[in-house]
Amino acid sequence: MSAVACLSAAAVYVSADGTPASGVAVPSPSAEAATLCGRLHDALPRRVDGLSERTLSPVSTLTAGWGDPTVVLRCGVPRPETLTPGSTTYNPGADAVDVNGVSWLMEQTGDGYRFTTTGRATFVEVSVPATYAPEVNPLADLGNAVEKSIPSEL
């Protein structure tokens, strides 16, 4: 059985004192995407926008977090509906931002923004709570790891 098949469907944040916080779903990517996500996980910085790395449980190469409240990275997520032709929310002109050579779809959420890479071999999603406005700042620290680990689509 592959490591990807053994992953749980959900993760739980663990705060610095070891108590559980809110949960995050662990993606279920293809084997190829999971390999890329493993490379990304190994390249991720320990600090993002001045925030310390946070332990997520179960430990997965598909998720990472920093700070409290947590900036959450999920690798190998499905294509966002906004970028899916034929979906009811398809919008080829959706808001995007380019940070250090990485293009990110930008979607406002109830408490901040969700950024998803575009033009990459697999999708990487970063959710940033409004506490850290301007929410785009963590992308500057994550861009190098994404650039090195997740190749551009051909």
C-alpha atoms as a PDB file:
ATOM      1  CA  MET A   1       0.000   0.000   0.000  1.00  0.00           C
ATOM      2  CA  SER A   2       1.387   3.440  -0.889  1.00  0.00           C
ATOM      3  CA  ALA A   3       2.057   6.135   1.686  1.00  0.00           C
ATOM      4  CA  VAL A   4      -0.607   8.259   0.019  1.00  0.00           C
ATOM      5  CA  ALA A   5      -3.229   5.544   0.482  1.00  0.00           C
ATOM      6  CA  CYS A   6      -2.370   5.361   4.182  1.00  0.00           C
ATOM      7  CA  LEU A   7      -3.009   9.049   4.836  1.00  0.00           C
ATOM      8  CA  SER A   8      -5.977  10.061   6.894  1.00  0.00           C
ATOM      9  CA  ALA A   9      -8.732  12.141   5.335  1.00  0.00           C
ATOM     10  CA  ALA A  10      -8.344  14.904   7.905  1.00  0.00           C
ATOM     11  CA  ALA A  11      -5.702  16.523  10.054  1.00  0.00           C
ATOM     12  CA  VAL A  12      -6.022  18.330  13.356  1.00  0.00           C
ATOM     13  CA  TYR A  13      -3.972  21.380  14.246  1.00  0.00           C
ATOM     14  CA  VAL A  14      -1.994  21.035  17.444  1.00  0.00           C
ATOM     15  CA  SER A  15      -1.224  24.221  19.338  1.00  0.00           C
ATOM     16  CA  ALA A  16       2.091  24.947  21.015  1.00  0.00           C
ATOM     17  CA  ASP A  17       0.759  23.543  24.291  1.00  0.00           C
ATOM     18  CA  GLY A  18      -0.322  20.311  22.552  1.00  0.00           C
ATOM     19  CA  THR A  19      -4.076  20.946  22.568  1.00  0.00           C
ATOM     20  CA  PRO A  20      -6.045  20.396  19.364  1.00  0.00           C
ATOM     21  CA  ALA A  21      -7.290  23.414  17.436  1.00  0.00           C
ATOM     22  CA  SER A  22      -9.461  23.502  14.283  1.00  0.00           C
ATOM     23  CA  GLY A  23      -9.067  20.789  11.597  1.00  0.00           C
ATOM     24  CA  VAL A  24      -7.838  20.748   8.012  1.00  0.00           C
ATOM     25  CA  ALA A  25      -8.574  18.182   5.313  1.00  0.00           C
ATOM     26  CA  VAL A  26      -5.567  16.280   3.962  1.00  0.00           C
ATOM     27  CA  PRO A  27      -5.722  16.165   0.127  1.00  0.00           C
ATOM     28  CA  SER A  28      -5.777  12.877  -1.816  1.00  0.00           C
ATOM     29  CA  PRO A  29      -3.592  13.596  -4.871  1.00  0.00           C
ATOM     30  CA  SER A  30      -2.351  11.246  -7.557  1.00  0.00           C
ATOM     31  CA  ALA A  31       0.917   9.404  -6.877  1.00  0.00           C
ATOM     32  CA  GLU A  32       2.786  11.800  -9.183  1.00  0.00           C
ATOM     33  CA  ALA A  33       1.377  14.861  -7.399  1.00  0.00           C
ATOM     34  CA  ALA A  34       2.141  13.307  -4.002  1.00  0.00           C
ATOM     35  CA  THR A  35       5.792  12.915  -5.046  1.00  0.00           C
ATOM     36  CA  LEU A  36       5.935  16.605  -5.998  1.00  0.00           C
ATOM     37  CA  CYS A  37       4.253  17.525  -2.724  1.00  0.00           C
ATOM     38  CA  GLY A  38       6.897  15.547  -0.832  1.00  0.00           C
ATOM     39  CA  ARG A  39       9.589  17.602  -2.543  1.00  0.00           C
ATOM     40  CA  LEU A  40       7.726  20.788  -1.662  1.00  0.00           C
ATOM     41  CA  HIS A  41       7.367  19.709   1.951  1.00  0.00           C
ATOM     42  CA  ASP A  42      11.134  19.140   2.196  1.00  0.00           C
ATOM     43  CA  ALA A  43      11.794  22.616   0.741  1.00  0.00           C
ATOM     44  CA  LEU A  44       9.342  24.572   2.917  1.00  0.00           C
ATOM     45  CA  PRO A  45      10.771  27.270   5.194  1.00  0.00           C
ATOM     46  CA  ARG A  46      10.578  26.925   8.984  1.00  0.00           C
ATOM     47  CA  ARG A  47       9.215  30.476   9.251  1.00  0.00           C
ATOM     48  CA  VAL A  48       6.630  32.138   7.022  1.00  0.00           C
ATOM     49  CA  ASP A  49       5.937  35.869   7.323  1.00  0.00           C
ATOM     50  CA  GLY A  50       7.707  35.768  10.700  1.00  0.00           C
ATOM     51  CA  LEU A  51       5.466  32.909  11.942  1.00  0.00           C
ATOM     52  CA  SER A  52       6.947  29.715  13.379  1.00  0.00           C
ATOM     53  CA  GLU A  53       6.194  26.321  11.883  1.00  0.00           C
ATOM     54  CA  ARG A  54       3.290  24.560  13.566  1.00  0.00           C
ATOM     55  CA  THR A  55       2.843  20.812  14.014  1.00  0.00           C
ATOM     56  CA  LEU A  56      -0.181  19.327  12.278  1.00  0.00           C
ATOM     57  CA  SER A  57      -1.481  15.871  13.095  1.00  0.00           C
ATOM     58  CA  PRO A  58      -1.314  13.430  11.491  1.00  0.00           C
ATOM     59  CA  VAL A  59       2.071  14.325  10.093  1.00  0.00           C
ATOM     60  CA  SER A  60       1.713  14.543   6.311  1.00  0.00           C
ATOM     61  CA  THR A  61       3.888  15.743   3.456  1.00  0.00           C
ATOM     62  CA  LEU A  62       0.661  17.159   1.967  1.00  0.00           C
ATOM     63  CA  THR A  63       0.058  19.783   4.661  1.00  0.00           C
ATOM     64  CA  ALA A  64       2.028  22.349   6.630  1.00  0.00           C
ATOM     65  CA  GLY A  65       1.200  25.214   8.961  1.00  0.00           C
ATOM     66  CA  TRP A  66       2.661  28.307  10.584  1.00  0.00           C
ATOM     67  CA  GLY A  67       1.463  30.555  13.402  1.00  0.00           C
ATOM     68  CA  ASP A  68      -1.643  30.733  15.586  1.00  0.00           C
ATOM     69  CA  PRO A  69      -4.122  31.242  14.007  1.00  0.00           C
ATOM     70  CA  THR A  70      -2.563  28.981  11.422  1.00  0.00           C
ATOM     71  CA  VAL A  71      -1.513  29.792   7.880  1.00  0.00           C
ATOM     72  CA  VAL A  72      -2.242  26.433   6.210  1.00  0.00           C
ATOM     73  CA  LEU A  73      -0.586  24.999   3.103  1.00  0.00           C
ATOM     74  CA  ARG A  74      -2.198  21.986   1.383  1.00  0.00           C
ATOM     75  CA  CYS A  75      -0.492  20.387  -1.609  1.00  0.00           C
ATOM     76  CA  GLY A  76      -2.188  18.238  -4.219  1.00  0.00           C
ATOM     77  CA  VAL A  77      -5.615  19.827  -3.858  1.00  0.00           C
ATOM     78  CA  PRO A  78      -8.173  19.524  -6.676  1.00  0.00           C
ATOM     79  CA  ARG A  79      -8.455  22.180  -9.383  1.00  0.00           C
ATOM     80  CA  PRO A  80     -10.464  25.098  -7.926  1.00  0.00           C
ATOM     81  CA  GLU A  81     -14.023  25.351  -9.273  1.00  0.00           C
ATOM     82  CA  THR A  82     -13.241  28.909 -10.390  1.00  0.00           C
ATOM     83  CA  LEU A  83     -10.645  27.469 -12.788  1.00  0.00           C
ATOM     84  CA  THR A  84     -12.760  24.540 -13.983  1.00  0.00           C
ATOM     85  CA  PRO A  85     -14.476  25.111 -17.346  1.00  0.00           C
ATOM     86  CA  GLY A  86     -18.139  24.141 -17.154  1.00  0.00           C
ATOM     87  CA  SER A  87     -18.466  24.687 -13.396  1.00  0.00           C
ATOM     88  CA  THR A  88     -21.104  27.148 -12.244  1.00  0.00           C
ATOM     89  CA  THR A  89     -18.404  29.376 -10.730  1.00  0.00           C
ATOM     90  CA  TYR A  90     -15.930  29.189 -13.647  1.00  0.00           C
ATOM     91  CA  ASN A  91     -14.242  32.559 -14.101  1.00  0.00           C
ATOM     92  CA  PRO A  92     -11.221  32.662 -16.450  1.00  0.00           C
ATOM     93  CA  GLY A  93     -10.670  36.290 -15.378  1.00  0.00           C
ATOM     94  CA  ALA A  94     -10.598  35.547 -11.639  1.00  0.00           C
ATOM     95  CA  ASP A  95      -8.351  37.637  -9.419  1.00  0.00           C
ATOM     96  CA  ALA A  96      -4.768  36.413  -9.366  1.00  0.00           C
ATOM     97  CA  VAL A  97      -1.475  37.644  -8.017  1.00  0.00           C
ATOM     98  CA  ASP A  98       2.090  36.876  -9.087  1.00  0.00           C
ATOM     99  CA  VAL A  99       4.545  36.658  -6.198  1.00  0.00           C
ATOM    100  CA  ASN A 100       8.207  35.950  -6.937  1.00  0.00           C
ATOM    101  CA  GLY A 101       7.426  34.169 -10.202  1.00  0.00           C
ATOM    102  CA  VAL A 102       4.563  32.032  -8.875  1.00  0.00           C
ATOM    103  CA  SER A 103       1.003  32.785  -9.974  1.00  0.00           C
ATOM    104  CA  TRP A 104      -1.761  32.362  -7.379  1.00  0.00           C
ATOM    105  CA  LEU A 105      -5.551  32.437  -7.764  1.00  0.00           C
ATOM    106  CA  MET A 106      -6.852  34.728  -5.020  1.00  0.00           C
ATOM    107  CA  GLU A 107     -10.201  33.968  -3.353  1.00  0.00           C
ATOM    108  CA  GLN A 108     -11.625  35.794  -0.353  1.00  0.00           C
ATOM    109  CA  THR A 109     -12.942  33.483   2.357  1.00  0.00           C
ATOM    110  CA  GLY A 110     -14.972  34.179   5.486  1.00  0.00           C
ATOM    111  CA  ASP A 111     -11.804  34.881   7.455  1.00  0.00           C
ATOM    112  CA  GLY A 112      -9.051  35.918   5.082  1.00  0.00           C
ATOM    113  CA  TYR A 113      -7.902  34.627   1.699  1.00  0.00           C
ATOM    114  CA  ARG A 114      -7.210  31.316  -0.002  1.00  0.00           C
ATOM    115  CA  PHE A 115      -4.478  31.341  -2.632  1.00  0.00           C
ATOM    116  CA  THR A 116      -4.058  28.457  -5.100  1.00  0.00           C
ATOM    117  CA  THR A 117      -1.181  28.099  -7.533  1.00  0.00           C
ATOM    118  CA  THR A 118      -1.955  28.249 -11.232  1.00  0.00           C
ATOM    119  CA  GLY A 119       0.091  26.930 -14.133  1.00  0.00           C
ATOM    120  CA  ARG A 120       1.830  24.266 -12.006  1.00  0.00           C
ATOM    121  CA  ALA A 121       1.966  20.471 -12.321  1.00  0.00           C
ATOM    122  CA  THR A 122      -0.164  20.189  -9.162  1.00  0.00           C
ATOM    123  CA  PHE A 123      -2.213  22.673  -7.191  1.00  0.00           C
ATOM    124  CA  VAL A 124      -0.894  24.124  -3.925  1.00  0.00           C
ATOM    125  CA  GLU A 125      -3.348  25.980  -1.701  1.00  0.00           C
ATOM    126  CA  VAL A 126      -2.453  28.445   1.066  1.00  0.00           C
ATOM    127  CA  SER A 127      -5.138  29.748   3.432  1.00  0.00           C
ATOM    128  CA  VAL A 128      -4.221  32.914   5.299  1.00  0.00           C
ATOM    129  CA  PRO A 129      -6.388  34.236   8.159  1.00  0.00           C
ATOM    130  CA  ALA A 130      -7.343  37.931   8.035  1.00  0.00           C
ATOM    131  CA  THR A 131      -5.275  38.389  11.213  1.00  0.00           C
ATOM    132  CA  TYR A 132      -2.220  38.497   8.946  1.00  0.00           C
ATOM    133  CA  ALA A 133      -3.410  41.235   6.551  1.00  0.00           C
ATOM    134  CA  PRO A 134      -2.128  41.851   3.979  1.00  0.00           C
ATOM    135  CA  GLU A 135      -2.785  38.159   3.476  1.00  0.00           C
ATOM    136  CA  VAL A 136      -0.532  37.932   0.413  1.00  0.00           C
ATOM    137  CA  ASN A 137       2.649  38.334   2.512  1.00  0.00           C
ATOM    138  CA  PRO A 138       3.187  34.619   3.367  1.00  0.00           C
ATOM    139  CA  LEU A 139       3.368  33.849  -0.365  1.00  0.00           C
ATOM    140  CA  ALA A 140       6.695  35.673  -0.593  1.00  0.00           C
ATOM    141  CA  ASP A 141       8.266  33.131   1.776  1.00  0.00           C
ATOM    142  CA  LEU A 142       6.576  30.131   0.124  1.00  0.00           C
ATOM    143  CA  GLY A 143       7.247  31.037  -3.520  1.00  0.00           C
ATOM    144  CA  ASN A 144      10.851  29.809  -3.655  1.00  0.00           C
ATOM    145  CA  ALA A 145       9.885  26.363  -2.353  1.00  0.00           C
ATOM    146  CA  VAL A 146       7.002  26.126  -4.839  1.00  0.00           C
ATOM    147  CA  GLU A 147       9.220  27.316  -7.694  1.00  0.00           C
ATOM    148  CA  LYS A 148      11.900  24.691  -6.893  1.00  0.00           C
ATOM    149  CA  SER A 149       9.543  21.784  -6.210  1.00  0.00           C
ATOM    150  CA  ILE A 150       6.424  22.075  -8.377  1.00  0.00           C
ATOM    151  CA  PRO A 151       7.265  22.460 -12.083  1.00  0.00           C
ATOM    152  CA  SER A 152       5.273  24.672 -14.403  1.00  0.00           C
ATOM    153  CA  GLU A 153       2.643  22.963 -16.544  1.00  0.00           C
ATOM    154  CA  LEU A 154       3.799  22.343 -20.087  1.00  0.00           C
END
